[in-house]
Amino acid sequence: MKLTKHMLSLLVMVALLCCSLNGFAAHGEKKTEKKAILLVAFGTSVPEARKVFDKIEEQTRKAFSDVEIRWAFTSKMIRAKLAKEGMMLDSPETAMARLMNDGFTHVAVLSLHTIPGEEFHELNQNAQLFGQMAGGFEKILVARPLLSSAKDMETVAGILMKNIPGRKPEDAVLFMGHGTGHHPADAIYLAMNQVFQEIDPRAFVGTVEGKLTIETLLPKLKQLKAKKVYLVPMMSVAGDHAKNDMAGDEPESWKSVLIRNGYQCESILKGTADYPEIVEVWLDHLRTVLAHF
């Protein structure tokens, strides 16, 4: 979520007011340590896809049973849509203000995004601002998103390649990432494409909005002379992009484009967070942050 300076100033004022009203320790007193984990996702309005967040929370609670766990969605559009359905989800900034109001001293924010793109950097920047408030958190740190190192990429690619049921060696695989046309982190999808290619030359990465479009992949598929293509989301949840842009029946969906080009298609509607082994990659990033508390 893009915050204007005016909006951020208001949030800061609200958080500081909450701190004073909540009876924070007087000057010179040591506050009792109180830890919390804030899980931050883009969010989804697809009910089936939201079940994945329950699995993430369950796995996180098992790993950190003694720490408070809360949620926030970065997408204003998703939050507004869910609000109309009676589901109120906080923005990361509102969630951080609530945690401050509730007297938490140490907060670990886990970015459940795929790449360290624009949303991750805004999350990290705003968390740092909350950390600078007098009388607020003693420490707030942001754990890295899923694909933040070469090791992360190799681990995630290996898990995804092992979870394509029914695939034959001659079948091609296209992984759909979100992508971005205005942030350098889009290059991570190029790197992931190379990682998949080293595992299997019939596996490729494409994106909805980035450089690696379905049009750039068609010539590569033609060279392979593959007859069948598996479509797999490389997003945390199999939400709107996976159901419509990838596997939908609309003329511009990946499935429709491929069928028009003579390929058989099979879609796997499972996001990366559907795999406990991949969630563990995120949780390892969280462990790294918590080790600094």
C-alpha atoms as a PDB file:
ATOM      1  CA  MET A   1       0.000   0.000   0.000  1.00  0.00           C
ATOM      2  CA  LYS A   2       1.427   3.397  -0.987  1.00  0.00           C
ATOM      3  CA  LEU A   3       1.234   5.818   1.928  1.00  0.00           C
ATOM      4  CA  THR A   4       1.333   9.571   1.474  1.00  0.00           C
ATOM      5  CA  LYS A   5       3.366  11.580   3.971  1.00  0.00           C
ATOM      6  CA  HIS A   6       0.096  12.920   5.383  1.00  0.00           C
ATOM      7  CA  MET A   7      -1.349   9.436   5.893  1.00  0.00           C
ATOM      8  CA  LEU A   8       1.835   8.161   7.519  1.00  0.00           C
ATOM      9  CA  SER A   9       1.972  11.192   9.806  1.00  0.00           C
ATOM     10  CA  LEU A  10      -1.582  10.471  10.942  1.00  0.00           C
ATOM     11  CA  LEU A  11      -0.710   6.826  11.626  1.00  0.00           C
ATOM     12  CA  VAL A  12       2.312   7.896  13.640  1.00  0.00           C
ATOM     13  CA  MET A  13       0.201  10.329  15.678  1.00  0.00           C
ATOM     14  CA  VAL A  14      -2.439   7.653  16.321  1.00  0.00           C
ATOM     15  CA  ALA A  15       0.192   5.111  17.362  1.00  0.00           C
ATOM     16  CA  LEU A  16       1.866   7.591  19.722  1.00  0.00           C
ATOM     17  CA  LEU A  17      -1.490   8.523  21.240  1.00  0.00           C
ATOM     18  CA  CYS A  18      -2.271   4.825  21.736  1.00  0.00           C
ATOM     19  CA  CYS A  19       1.083   4.372  23.440  1.00  0.00           C
ATOM     20  CA  SER A  20       0.386   7.151  25.920  1.00  0.00           C
ATOM     21  CA  LEU A  21      -3.167   5.949  26.634  1.00  0.00           C
ATOM     22  CA  ASN A  22      -2.101   2.351  27.087  1.00  0.00           C
ATOM     23  CA  GLY A  23       0.138   3.137  30.034  1.00  0.00           C
ATOM     24  CA  PHE A  24       3.610   2.410  28.695  1.00  0.00           C
ATOM     25  CA  ALA A  25       6.461   2.207  31.173  1.00  0.00           C
ATOM     26  CA  ALA A  26       7.464   5.468  32.767  1.00  0.00           C
ATOM     27  CA  HIS A  27      10.737   7.097  31.870  1.00  0.00           C
ATOM     28  CA  GLY A  28      13.669   4.945  32.973  1.00  0.00           C
ATOM     29  CA  GLU A  29      11.609   1.795  33.616  1.00  0.00           C
ATOM     30  CA  LYS A  30      12.280  -1.448  31.769  1.00  0.00           C
ATOM     31  CA  LYS A  31       9.203  -2.734  29.956  1.00  0.00           C
ATOM     32  CA  THR A  32       8.355  -6.416  30.186  1.00  0.00           C
ATOM     33  CA  GLU A  33       9.366  -8.144  26.968  1.00  0.00           C
ATOM     34  CA  LYS A  34       6.349  -9.049  24.879  1.00  0.00           C
ATOM     35  CA  LYS A  35       6.878 -10.615  21.441  1.00  0.00           C
ATOM     36  CA  ALA A  36       4.590 -10.819  18.436  1.00  0.00           C
ATOM     37  CA  ILE A  37       4.704 -12.084  14.860  1.00  0.00           C
ATOM     38  CA  LEU A  38       2.891 -10.159  12.142  1.00  0.00           C
ATOM     39  CA  LEU A  39       2.186 -12.251   9.047  1.00  0.00           C
ATOM     40  CA  VAL A  40       1.809  -9.975   6.029  1.00  0.00           C
ATOM     41  CA  ALA A  41       0.407 -11.188   2.710  1.00  0.00           C
ATOM     42  CA  PHE A  42      -0.885  -9.434  -0.396  1.00  0.00           C
ATOM     43  CA  GLY A  43      -4.217 -11.089   0.344  1.00  0.00           C
ATOM     44  CA  THR A  44      -6.882 -12.753  -1.771  1.00  0.00           C
ATOM     45  CA  SER A  45     -10.640 -12.470  -2.164  1.00  0.00           C
ATOM     46  CA  VAL A  46     -10.988 -16.106  -3.300  1.00  0.00           C
ATOM     47  CA  PRO A  47     -12.438 -18.130  -0.366  1.00  0.00           C
ATOM     48  CA  GLU A  48     -10.751 -21.403  -1.384  1.00  0.00           C
ATOM     49  CA  ALA A  49      -7.388 -19.668  -1.650  1.00  0.00           C
ATOM     50  CA  ARG A  50      -7.753 -18.039   1.792  1.00  0.00           C
ATOM     51  CA  LYS A  51      -7.710 -21.491   3.386  1.00  0.00           C
ATOM     52  CA  VAL A  52      -3.983 -21.509   2.696  1.00  0.00           C
ATOM     53  CA  PHE A  53      -3.540 -18.689   5.210  1.00  0.00           C
ATOM     54  CA  ASP A  54      -5.050 -20.931   7.887  1.00  0.00           C
ATOM     55  CA  LYS A  55      -2.424 -23.557   7.057  1.00  0.00           C
ATOM     56  CA  ILE A  56       0.352 -20.973   7.246  1.00  0.00           C
ATOM     57  CA  GLU A  57      -0.870 -19.783  10.630  1.00  0.00           C
ATOM     58  CA  GLU A  58      -1.135 -23.341  11.935  1.00  0.00           C
ATOM     59  CA  GLN A  59       2.408 -24.137  10.820  1.00  0.00           C
ATOM     60  CA  THR A  60       3.681 -20.868  12.286  1.00  0.00           C
ATOM     61  CA  ARG A  61       1.974 -21.528  15.634  1.00  0.00           C
ATOM     62  CA  LYS A  62       3.583 -24.955  15.824  1.00  0.00           C
ATOM     63  CA  ALA A  63       6.994 -23.419  15.241  1.00  0.00           C
ATOM     64  CA  PHE A  64       6.491 -20.446  17.595  1.00  0.00           C
ATOM     65  CA  SER A  65       3.891 -21.574  20.120  1.00  0.00           C
ATOM     66  CA  ASP A  66       4.726 -18.922  22.712  1.00  0.00           C
ATOM     67  CA  VAL A  67       4.456 -15.872  20.444  1.00  0.00           C
ATOM     68  CA  GLU A  68       1.350 -13.827  19.566  1.00  0.00           C
ATOM     69  CA  ILE A  69       0.488 -14.114  15.843  1.00  0.00           C
ATOM     70  CA  ARG A  70      -1.499 -11.561  13.855  1.00  0.00           C
ATOM     71  CA  TRP A  71      -2.280 -10.875  10.184  1.00  0.00           C
ATOM     72  CA  ALA A  72      -2.293  -7.994   7.727  1.00  0.00           C
ATOM     73  CA  PHE A  73      -2.994  -7.685   3.987  1.00  0.00           C
ATOM     74  CA  THR A  74      -1.075  -5.186   1.886  1.00  0.00           C
ATOM     75  CA  SER A  75      -3.703  -4.951  -0.866  1.00  0.00           C
ATOM     76  CA  LYS A  76      -6.143  -2.091  -0.221  1.00  0.00           C
ATOM     77  CA  MET A  77      -8.411  -3.440  -2.951  1.00  0.00           C
ATOM     78  CA  ILE A  78      -8.596  -6.890  -1.329  1.00  0.00           C
ATOM     79  CA  ARG A  79      -9.214  -5.421   2.122  1.00  0.00           C
ATOM     80  CA  ALA A  80     -12.044  -3.242   0.775  1.00  0.00           C
ATOM     81  CA  LYS A  81     -13.648  -6.175  -1.016  1.00  0.00           C
ATOM     82  CA  LEU A  82     -13.468  -8.386   2.081  1.00  0.00           C
ATOM     83  CA  ALA A  83     -14.857  -5.579   4.237  1.00  0.00           C
ATOM     84  CA  LYS A  84     -18.011  -5.567   2.090  1.00  0.00           C
ATOM     85  CA  GLU A  85     -18.324  -9.282   2.948  1.00  0.00           C
ATOM     86  CA  GLY A  86     -17.979  -8.535   6.655  1.00  0.00           C
ATOM     87  CA  MET A  87     -14.325  -9.548   6.985  1.00  0.00           C
ATOM     88  CA  MET A  88     -12.157  -6.793   8.431  1.00  0.00           C
ATOM     89  CA  LEU A  89      -8.432  -7.166   7.663  1.00  0.00           C
ATOM     90  CA  ASP A  90      -5.820  -4.668   8.818  1.00  0.00           C
ATOM     91  CA  SER A  91      -3.230  -2.985   6.663  1.00  0.00           C
ATOM     92  CA  PRO A  92       0.320  -3.624   7.934  1.00  0.00           C
ATOM     93  CA  GLU A  93       0.448  -0.090   9.344  1.00  0.00           C
ATOM     94  CA  THR A  94      -2.831  -0.475  11.240  1.00  0.00           C
ATOM     95  CA  ALA A  95      -1.707  -3.870  12.540  1.00  0.00           C
ATOM     96  CA  MET A  96       1.581  -2.395  13.772  1.00  0.00           C
ATOM     97  CA  ALA A  97      -0.276   0.444  15.505  1.00  0.00           C
ATOM     98  CA  ARG A  98      -2.523  -2.109  17.242  1.00  0.00           C
ATOM     99  CA  LEU A  99       0.493  -4.121  18.376  1.00  0.00           C
ATOM    100  CA  MET A 100       2.060  -0.980  19.779  1.00  0.00           C
ATOM    101  CA  ASN A 101      -1.192  -0.109  21.537  1.00  0.00           C
ATOM    102  CA  ASP A 102      -1.300  -3.605  23.054  1.00  0.00           C
ATOM    103  CA  GLY A 103       2.130  -3.173  24.593  1.00  0.00           C
ATOM    104  CA  PHE A 104       4.234  -5.492  22.436  1.00  0.00           C
ATOM    105  CA  THR A 105       7.922  -4.683  22.660  1.00  0.00           C
ATOM    106  CA  HIS A 106       9.442  -6.945  19.984  1.00  0.00           C
ATOM    107  CA  VAL A 107       7.717  -7.549  16.647  1.00  0.00           C
ATOM    108  CA  ALA A 108       8.855  -9.822  13.818  1.00  0.00           C
ATOM    109  CA  VAL A 109       7.106  -9.017  10.546  1.00  0.00           C
ATOM    110  CA  LEU A 110       7.095 -11.846   8.013  1.00  0.00           C
ATOM    111  CA  SER A 111       6.640 -10.848   4.392  1.00  0.00           C
ATOM    112  CA  LEU A 112       4.647 -13.619   2.712  1.00  0.00           C
ATOM    113  CA  HIS A 113       5.328 -12.043  -0.665  1.00  0.00           C
ATOM    114  CA  THR A 114       7.276 -13.959  -3.313  1.00  0.00           C
ATOM    115  CA  ILE A 115       9.958 -11.415  -4.225  1.00  0.00           C
ATOM    116  CA  PRO A 116      11.456  -8.374  -2.454  1.00  0.00           C
ATOM    117  CA  GLY A 117       9.569  -5.993  -4.695  1.00  0.00           C
ATOM    118  CA  GLU A 118       7.785  -2.688  -4.146  1.00  0.00           C
ATOM    119  CA  GLU A 119       5.354  -3.952  -1.494  1.00  0.00           C
ATOM    120  CA  PHE A 120       8.138  -5.582   0.525  1.00  0.00           C
ATOM    121  CA  HIS A 121      10.275  -2.438   0.476  1.00  0.00           C
ATOM    122  CA  GLU A 122       7.337  -0.252   1.545  1.00  0.00           C
ATOM    123  CA  LEU A 123       6.550  -2.712   4.338  1.00  0.00           C
ATOM    124  CA  ASN A 124      10.153  -2.641   5.515  1.00  0.00           C
ATOM    125  CA  GLN A 125      10.360   1.161   5.317  1.00  0.00           C
ATOM    126  CA  ASN A 126       7.170   1.706   7.289  1.00  0.00           C
ATOM    127  CA  ALA A 127       8.170  -0.882   9.909  1.00  0.00           C
ATOM    128  CA  GLN A 128      11.408   1.041  10.444  1.00  0.00           C
ATOM    129  CA  LEU A 129       9.411   4.235  10.996  1.00  0.00           C
ATOM    130  CA  PHE A 130       7.324   2.500  13.655  1.00  0.00           C
ATOM    131  CA  GLY A 131      10.554   1.290  15.229  1.00  0.00           C
ATOM    132  CA  GLN A 132      11.771   4.870  15.591  1.00  0.00           C
ATOM    133  CA  MET A 133       8.836   6.017  17.694  1.00  0.00           C
ATOM    134  CA  ALA A 134       9.757   7.031  21.236  1.00  0.00           C
ATOM    135  CA  GLY A 135       8.073   4.853  23.818  1.00  0.00           C
ATOM    136  CA  GLY A 136       6.981   2.292  21.240  1.00  0.00           C
ATOM    137  CA  PHE A 137       8.584  -0.964  20.127  1.00  0.00           C
ATOM    138  CA  GLU A 138      12.010  -1.798  21.456  1.00  0.00           C
ATOM    139  CA  LYS A 139      12.689  -3.660  18.219  1.00  0.00           C
ATOM    140  CA  ILE A 140      10.770  -4.419  15.026  1.00  0.00           C
ATOM    141  CA  LEU A 141      12.370  -6.381  12.196  1.00  0.00           C
ATOM    142  CA  VAL A 142      11.066  -7.564   8.830  1.00  0.00           C
ATOM    143  CA  ALA A 143      11.814 -11.089   7.626  1.00  0.00           C
ATOM    144  CA  ARG A 144      12.621 -11.548   3.948  1.00  0.00           C
ATOM    145  CA  PRO A 145      10.076 -12.772   1.374  1.00  0.00           C
ATOM    146  CA  LEU A 146      10.227 -16.209  -0.232  1.00  0.00           C
ATOM    147  CA  LEU A 147      12.789 -15.797  -3.004  1.00  0.00           C
ATOM    148  CA  SER A 148      15.574 -13.839  -1.322  1.00  0.00           C
ATOM    149  CA  SER A 149      18.670 -15.919  -2.082  1.00  0.00           C
ATOM    150  CA  ALA A 150      20.037 -18.472  -4.524  1.00  0.00           C
ATOM    151  CA  LYS A 151      19.420 -21.166  -1.906  1.00  0.00           C
ATOM    152  CA  ASP A 152      15.764 -20.094  -1.588  1.00  0.00           C
ATOM    153  CA  MET A 153      15.308 -20.287  -5.346  1.00  0.00           C
ATOM    154  CA  GLU A 154      16.856 -23.741  -5.636  1.00  0.00           C
ATOM    155  CA  THR A 155      14.813 -25.065  -2.705  1.00  0.00           C
ATOM    156  CA  VAL A 156      11.494 -23.693  -3.978  1.00  0.00           C
ATOM    157  CA  ALA A 157      12.129 -24.810  -7.566  1.00  0.00           C
ATOM    158  CA  GLY A 158      13.008 -28.332  -6.421  1.00  0.00           C
ATOM    159  CA  ILE A 159       9.841 -28.651  -4.344  1.00  0.00           C
ATOM    160  CA  LEU A 160       7.589 -27.367  -7.114  1.00  0.00           C
ATOM    161  CA  MET A 161       9.106 -29.688  -9.715  1.00  0.00           C
ATOM    162  CA  LYS A 162       8.439 -32.692  -7.462  1.00  0.00           C
ATOM    163  CA  ASN A 163       4.766 -31.789  -7.148  1.00  0.00           C
ATOM    164  CA  ILE A 164       3.401 -32.058 -10.690  1.00  0.00           C
ATOM    165  CA  PRO A 165       1.245 -35.186 -10.579  1.00  0.00           C
ATOM    166  CA  GLY A 166       0.825 -37.091 -13.830  1.00  0.00           C
ATOM    167  CA  ARG A 167       3.502 -35.213 -15.703  1.00  0.00           C
ATOM    168  CA  LYS A 168       5.533 -37.205 -18.227  1.00  0.00           C
ATOM    169  CA  PRO A 169       9.162 -36.326 -19.046  1.00  0.00           C
ATOM    170  CA  GLU A 170       8.201 -34.975 -22.476  1.00  0.00           C
ATOM    171  CA  ASP A 171       5.575 -32.584 -21.064  1.00  0.00           C
ATOM    172  CA  ALA A 172       6.464 -28.905 -20.629  1.00  0.00           C
ATOM    173  CA  VAL A 173       5.789 -26.900 -17.463  1.00  0.00           C
ATOM    174  CA  LEU A 174       5.056 -23.182 -17.221  1.00  0.00           C
ATOM    175  CA  PHE A 175       5.189 -21.522 -13.806  1.00  0.00           C
ATOM    176  CA  MET A 176       3.237 -18.275 -13.510  1.00  0.00           C
ATOM    177  CA  GLY A 177       4.641 -15.517 -11.312  1.00  0.00           C
ATOM    178  CA  HIS A 178       3.049 -12.122 -10.824  1.00  0.00           C
ATOM    179  CA  GLY A 179       5.926 -10.020 -12.096  1.00  0.00           C
ATOM    180  CA  THR A 180       6.286  -6.250 -12.190  1.00  0.00           C
ATOM    181  CA  GLY A 181       7.070  -3.850 -14.976  1.00  0.00           C
ATOM    182  CA  HIS A 182       8.459  -1.087 -12.733  1.00  0.00           C
ATOM    183  CA  HIS A 183      10.677  -2.699 -10.081  1.00  0.00           C
ATOM    184  CA  PRO A 184      14.154  -4.233 -10.492  1.00  0.00           C
ATOM    185  CA  ALA A 185      13.104  -7.260  -8.406  1.00  0.00           C
ATOM    186  CA  ASP A 186      11.372  -8.545 -11.549  1.00  0.00           C
ATOM    187  CA  ALA A 187      14.828  -9.862 -12.462  1.00  0.00           C
ATOM    188  CA  ILE A 188      14.326 -12.574  -9.837  1.00  0.00           C
ATOM    189  CA  TYR A 189      11.884 -14.271 -12.202  1.00  0.00           C
ATOM    190  CA  LEU A 190      14.615 -14.365 -14.845  1.00  0.00           C
ATOM    191  CA  ALA A 191      16.893 -15.984 -12.278  1.00  0.00           C
ATOM    192  CA  MET A 192      14.177 -18.480 -11.299  1.00  0.00           C
ATOM    193  CA  ASN A 193      13.690 -19.355 -14.947  1.00  0.00           C
ATOM    194  CA  GLN A 194      17.375 -20.246 -15.117  1.00  0.00           C
ATOM    195  CA  VAL A 195      17.098 -22.353 -11.948  1.00  0.00           C
ATOM    196  CA  PHE A 196      14.176 -24.318 -13.411  1.00  0.00           C
ATOM    197  CA  GLN A 197      16.016 -24.735 -16.702  1.00  0.00           C
ATOM    198  CA  GLU A 198      18.969 -26.291 -14.891  1.00  0.00           C
ATOM    199  CA  ILE A 199      16.610 -28.764 -13.217  1.00  0.00           C
ATOM    200  CA  ASP A 200      14.623 -29.515 -16.363  1.00  0.00           C
ATOM    201  CA  PRO A 201      14.979 -27.796 -19.777  1.00  0.00           C
ATOM    202  CA  ARG A 202      11.222 -28.210 -20.293  1.00  0.00           C
ATOM    203  CA  ALA A 203      10.334 -26.003 -17.305  1.00  0.00           C
ATOM    204  CA  PHE A 204       9.916 -22.237 -17.684  1.00  0.00           C
ATOM    205  CA  VAL A 205       8.837 -19.196 -15.680  1.00  0.00           C
ATOM    206  CA  GLY A 206       6.504 -16.548 -17.049  1.00  0.00           C
ATOM    207  CA  THR A 207       4.783 -13.580 -15.430  1.00  0.00           C
ATOM    208  CA  VAL A 208       1.487 -11.725 -15.617  1.00  0.00           C
ATOM    209  CA  GLU A 209       2.993  -8.243 -15.595  1.00  0.00           C
ATOM    210  CA  GLY A 210       6.759  -8.613 -15.939  1.00  0.00           C
ATOM    211  CA  LYS A 211       9.218  -9.174 -18.761  1.00  0.00           C
ATOM    212  CA  LEU A 212       8.613 -12.921 -19.155  1.00  0.00           C
ATOM    213  CA  THR A 213       5.187 -12.896 -20.814  1.00  0.00           C
ATOM    214  CA  ILE A 214       3.413 -15.892 -22.342  1.00  0.00           C
ATOM    215  CA  GLU A 215       4.377 -14.493 -25.754  1.00  0.00           C
ATOM    216  CA  THR A 216       8.070 -14.783 -24.905  1.00  0.00           C
ATOM    217  CA  LEU A 217       7.563 -18.427 -23.919  1.00  0.00           C
ATOM    218  CA  LEU A 218       5.709 -19.620 -27.014  1.00  0.00           C
ATOM    219  CA  PRO A 219       8.828 -19.800 -29.256  1.00  0.00           C
ATOM    220  CA  LYS A 220      10.637 -21.817 -26.584  1.00  0.00           C
ATOM    221  CA  LEU A 221       7.759 -24.289 -26.365  1.00  0.00           C
ATOM    222  CA  LYS A 222       7.722 -24.622 -30.147  1.00  0.00           C
ATOM    223  CA  GLN A 223      11.385 -25.614 -30.118  1.00  0.00           C
ATOM    224  CA  LEU A 224      10.638 -28.372 -27.615  1.00  0.00           C
ATOM    225  CA  LYS A 225       7.869 -29.833 -29.790  1.00  0.00           C
ATOM    226  CA  ALA A 226       5.917 -30.554 -26.628  1.00  0.00           C
ATOM    227  CA  LYS A 227       2.277 -31.588 -26.967  1.00  0.00           C
ATOM    228  CA  LYS A 228       1.146 -31.040 -23.392  1.00  0.00           C
ATOM    229  CA  VAL A 229       1.843 -28.153 -21.016  1.00  0.00           C
ATOM    230  CA  TYR A 230       1.308 -28.055 -17.261  1.00  0.00           C
ATOM    231  CA  LEU A 231       0.425 -24.663 -15.807  1.00  0.00           C
ATOM    232  CA  VAL A 232       1.484 -24.022 -12.215  1.00  0.00           C
ATOM    233  CA  PRO A 233       1.169 -20.824 -10.122  1.00  0.00           C
ATOM    234  CA  MET A 234       4.371 -19.481  -8.590  1.00  0.00           C
ATOM    235  CA  MET A 235       2.404 -17.294  -6.191  1.00  0.00           C
ATOM    236  CA  SER A 236       1.652 -17.882  -2.520  1.00  0.00           C
ATOM    237  CA  VAL A 237      -2.009 -18.655  -3.213  1.00  0.00           C
ATOM    238  CA  ALA A 238      -3.924 -19.882  -6.252  1.00  0.00           C
ATOM    239  CA  GLY A 239      -6.120 -16.803  -6.322  1.00  0.00           C
ATOM    240  CA  ASP A 240      -7.562 -14.642  -9.068  1.00  0.00           C
ATOM    241  CA  HIS A 241      -4.447 -14.648 -11.281  1.00  0.00           C
ATOM    242  CA  ALA A 242      -4.149 -18.432 -11.164  1.00  0.00           C
ATOM    243  CA  LYS A 243      -7.857 -19.099 -11.706  1.00  0.00           C
ATOM    244  CA  ASN A 244      -8.383 -16.507 -14.432  1.00  0.00           C
ATOM    245  CA  ASP A 245      -5.137 -15.260 -16.017  1.00  0.00           C
ATOM    246  CA  MET A 246      -3.554 -18.703 -15.975  1.00  0.00           C
ATOM    247  CA  ALA A 247      -6.288 -21.349 -16.065  1.00  0.00           C
ATOM    248  CA  GLY A 248      -9.380 -19.373 -17.047  1.00  0.00           C
ATOM    249  CA  ASP A 249     -11.457 -19.691 -20.204  1.00  0.00           C
ATOM    250  CA  GLU A 250     -11.034 -16.043 -21.208  1.00  0.00           C
ATOM    251  CA  PRO A 251      -9.386 -15.557 -24.640  1.00  0.00           C
ATOM    252  CA  GLU A 252      -6.218 -14.008 -23.156  1.00  0.00           C
ATOM    253  CA  SER A 253      -5.610 -16.566 -20.402  1.00  0.00           C
ATOM    254  CA  TRP A 254      -2.476 -18.684 -20.681  1.00  0.00           C
ATOM    255  CA  LYS A 255      -4.572 -21.796 -21.105  1.00  0.00           C
ATOM    256  CA  SER A 256      -6.567 -20.286 -23.967  1.00  0.00           C
ATOM    257  CA  VAL A 257      -3.444 -18.952 -25.705  1.00  0.00           C
ATOM    258  CA  LEU A 258      -1.759 -22.344 -25.475  1.00  0.00           C
ATOM    259  CA  ILE A 259      -4.823 -24.244 -26.701  1.00  0.00           C
ATOM    260  CA  ARG A 260      -5.040 -21.927 -29.713  1.00  0.00           C
ATOM    261  CA  ASN A 261      -1.422 -22.801 -30.423  1.00  0.00           C
ATOM    262  CA  GLY A 262      -2.189 -26.510 -30.436  1.00  0.00           C
ATOM    263  CA  TYR A 263      -1.178 -27.570 -26.919  1.00  0.00           C
ATOM    264  CA  GLN A 264      -3.052 -29.685 -24.414  1.00  0.00           C
ATOM    265  CA  CYS A 265      -3.151 -27.976 -21.027  1.00  0.00           C
ATOM    266  CA  GLU A 266      -3.411 -29.141 -17.449  1.00  0.00           C
ATOM    267  CA  SER A 267      -3.606 -26.621 -14.603  1.00  0.00           C
ATOM    268  CA  ILE A 268      -2.478 -27.240 -11.033  1.00  0.00           C
ATOM    269  CA  LEU A 269      -4.328 -24.787  -8.801  1.00  0.00           C
ATOM    270  CA  LYS A 270      -2.047 -24.871  -5.776  1.00  0.00           C
ATOM    271  CA  GLY A 271      -0.023 -21.884  -4.601  1.00  0.00           C
ATOM    272  CA  THR A 272       3.453 -22.118  -3.122  1.00  0.00           C
ATOM    273  CA  ALA A 273       2.037 -21.749   0.400  1.00  0.00           C
ATOM    274  CA  ASP A 274       0.073 -24.973  -0.151  1.00  0.00           C
ATOM    275  CA  TYR A 275       3.335 -26.859   0.316  1.00  0.00           C
ATOM    276  CA  PRO A 276       4.522 -27.098   3.953  1.00  0.00           C
ATOM    277  CA  GLU A 277       8.125 -27.461   2.756  1.00  0.00           C
ATOM    278  CA  ILE A 278       7.920 -24.086   1.021  1.00  0.00           C
ATOM    279  CA  VAL A 279       6.261 -22.459   4.037  1.00  0.00           C
ATOM    280  CA  GLU A 280       9.325 -23.653   5.960  1.00  0.00           C
ATOM    281  CA  VAL A 281      11.480 -21.417   3.752  1.00  0.00           C
ATOM    282  CA  TRP A 282       9.467 -18.410   4.953  1.00  0.00           C
ATOM    283  CA  LEU A 283       9.649 -19.656   8.539  1.00  0.00           C
ATOM    284  CA  ASP A 284      13.434 -19.989   8.288  1.00  0.00           C
ATOM    285  CA  HIS A 285      13.519 -16.299   7.382  1.00  0.00           C
ATOM    286  CA  LEU A 286      11.358 -15.622  10.429  1.00  0.00           C
ATOM    287  CA  ARG A 287      13.692 -17.641  12.669  1.00  0.00           C
ATOM    288  CA  THR A 288      16.606 -15.527  11.463  1.00  0.00           C
ATOM    289  CA  VAL A 289      14.794 -12.366  12.562  1.00  0.00           C
ATOM    290  CA  LEU A 290      13.640 -13.743  15.913  1.00  0.00           C
ATOM    291  CA  ALA A 291      17.219 -14.770  16.693  1.00  0.00           C
ATOM    292  CA  HIS A 292      18.049 -11.042  16.881  1.00  0.00           C
ATOM    293  CA  PHE A 293      15.539 -10.431  19.682  1.00  0.00           C
END
